[in-house]
Protein backbone atom coordinates (compact mmCIF):
# COMPACT_ATOMS: atom_id res chain seq x y z
CA UNK A 1 0.00 0.00 0.00
CA UNK A 2 1.30 3.46 -0.91
CA UNK A 3 1.94 5.79 2.04
CA UNK A 4 2.50 9.51 1.60
CA UNK A 5 4.94 11.37 3.86
CA UNK A 6 3.28 14.68 4.67
CA UNK A 7 5.03 17.83 5.90
CA UNK A 8 3.73 20.12 8.65
CA UNK A 9 2.00 22.34 6.09
CA UNK A 10 0.15 19.39 4.50
CA UNK A 11 2.43 19.19 1.49
CA UNK A 12 3.32 15.68 0.27
CA UNK A 13 7.11 15.37 0.62
CA UNK A 14 7.50 11.79 -0.59
CA UNK A 15 5.57 8.58 -1.01
CA UNK A 16 6.60 5.11 0.16
CA UNK A 17 5.51 2.49 -2.33
CA UNK A 18 6.06 -1.26 -2.53
CA UNK A 19 8.39 -2.89 -5.04
CA UNK A 20 6.87 -3.48 -8.48
CA UNK A 21 4.21 -6.18 -8.52
CA UNK A 22 4.94 -7.74 -11.88
CA UNK A 23 6.50 -11.17 -12.52
CA UNK A 24 9.52 -9.66 -14.29
CA UNK A 25 10.22 -7.50 -11.23
CA UNK A 26 9.88 -10.13 -8.52
CA UNK A 27 12.83 -11.15 -6.38
CA UNK A 28 14.92 -13.87 -7.87
CA UNK A 29 16.76 -16.70 -6.17
CA UNK A 30 19.68 -15.99 -8.51
CA UNK A 31 22.59 -14.03 -7.01
CA UNK A 32 22.59 -10.33 -7.80
CA UNK A 33 25.75 -10.83 -9.86
CA UNK A 34 23.65 -12.77 -12.39
CA UNK A 35 21.67 -10.71 -14.89
CA UNK A 36 18.41 -11.48 -13.09
CA UNK A 37 15.55 -9.28 -14.29
CA UNK A 38 14.18 -8.71 -10.80
CA UNK A 39 13.85 -5.20 -9.41
CA UNK A 40 15.63 -6.27 -6.23
CA UNK A 41 18.56 -7.70 -8.18
CA UNK A 42 18.78 -4.51 -10.27
CA UNK A 43 18.80 -2.43 -7.07
CA UNK A 44 21.58 -4.51 -5.55
CA UNK A 45 23.72 -4.53 -8.70
CA UNK A 46 23.43 -0.78 -9.22
CA UNK A 47 24.15 -0.01 -5.56
CA UNK A 48 27.29 -2.18 -5.74
CA UNK A 49 28.36 -0.44 -8.95
CA UNK A 50 27.88 3.04 -7.46
CA UNK A 51 29.85 2.09 -4.35
CA UNK A 52 32.73 0.68 -6.43
CA UNK A 53 32.82 3.77 -8.67
CA UNK A 54 32.71 6.01 -5.60
CA UNK A 55 35.75 4.31 -4.12
CA UNK A 56 37.65 4.50 -7.41
CA UNK A 57 36.80 8.18 -7.86
CA UNK A 58 38.86 9.30 -4.86
CA UNK A 59 36.56 12.18 -3.99
CA UNK A 60 38.17 14.96 -1.98
CA UNK A 61 36.85 15.86 1.49
CA UNK A 62 35.39 19.05 -0.04
CA UNK A 63 33.46 16.97 -2.60
CA UNK A 64 31.99 14.87 0.20
CA UNK A 65 30.50 17.89 2.00
CA UNK A 66 27.72 19.74 0.20
CA UNK A 67 24.13 20.97 0.54
CA UNK A 68 22.74 17.44 0.18
CA UNK A 69 24.72 16.06 3.11
CA UNK A 70 28.11 15.02 4.45
CA UNK A 71 30.15 11.91 3.78
CA UNK A 72 29.00 11.08 0.24
CA UNK A 73 29.47 12.56 -3.21
CA UNK A 74 26.68 14.09 -5.27
CA UNK A 75 27.22 14.74 -8.96
CA UNK A 76 24.61 16.63 -10.96
CA UNK A 77 24.00 15.29 -14.44
CA UNK A 78 21.86 16.28 -17.37
CA UNK A 79 20.53 19.57 -18.64
CA UNK A 80 20.99 22.73 -16.60
CA UNK A 81 19.38 26.13 -16.99
CA UNK A 82 20.16 28.12 -13.92
CA UNK A 83 22.87 29.88 -11.99
CA UNK A 84 22.98 32.73 -14.52
CA UNK A 85 23.17 30.66 -17.71
CA UNK A 86 21.75 32.47 -20.72
CA UNK A 87 20.62 29.21 -22.35
CA UNK A 88 20.22 25.55 -21.33
CA UNK A 89 23.39 23.47 -21.48
CA UNK A 90 24.48 19.92 -20.68
CA UNK A 91 26.55 19.61 -17.52
CA UNK A 92 30.16 18.50 -18.02
CA UNK A 93 32.00 16.22 -15.61
CA UNK A 94 35.65 16.64 -16.58
CA UNK A 95 37.77 13.68 -15.53
CA UNK A 96 34.65 11.88 -14.27
CA UNK A 97 32.77 12.04 -17.59
CA UNK A 98 33.31 8.33 -18.35
CA UNK A 99 32.16 7.31 -14.86
CA UNK A 100 28.99 9.43 -15.06
CA UNK A 101 28.20 8.19 -18.58
CA UNK A 102 28.71 4.59 -17.52
CA UNK A 103 26.35 5.00 -14.57
CA UNK A 104 23.68 6.79 -16.62
CA UNK A 105 23.82 4.16 -19.38
CA UNK A 106 23.42 1.26 -16.95
CA UNK A 107 20.41 -0.98 -17.70
CA UNK A 108 19.77 -1.55 -13.98
CA UNK A 109 19.53 2.22 -13.39
CA UNK A 110 17.10 2.47 -16.31
CA UNK A 111 14.93 -0.27 -14.78
CA UNK A 112 14.87 1.53 -11.40
CA UNK A 113 14.17 4.91 -13.01
CA UNK A 114 11.36 3.50 -15.15
CA UNK A 115 9.56 2.23 -12.04
CA UNK A 116 10.16 5.44 -10.11
CA UNK A 117 9.01 7.53 -13.07
CA UNK A 118 6.06 5.39 -14.09
């Protein structure tokens, strides 16, 4: 059952929903290292991939402290039109471009995003 998280002013801040209820999304008995189509396996594989990339990235202490929290990195990706830009532009990631592209192109991330977005 879906459960909204409501702020003091009555605004819905988030919603807690169950995992997808479709046979292709159900938990698998296969290890997450296998290419199991389950949502749970996709979640585990992508989490492991993000953690490995994070360790390889050698983020500086300054990169691990930001407005979203402390002790983890946050990299913006995609189209940006703010902070004084005169026109929309794609964010660049310098030496981390390959890492960001690899994460964004991951089929497990796409499966998770499709459920979240759908």
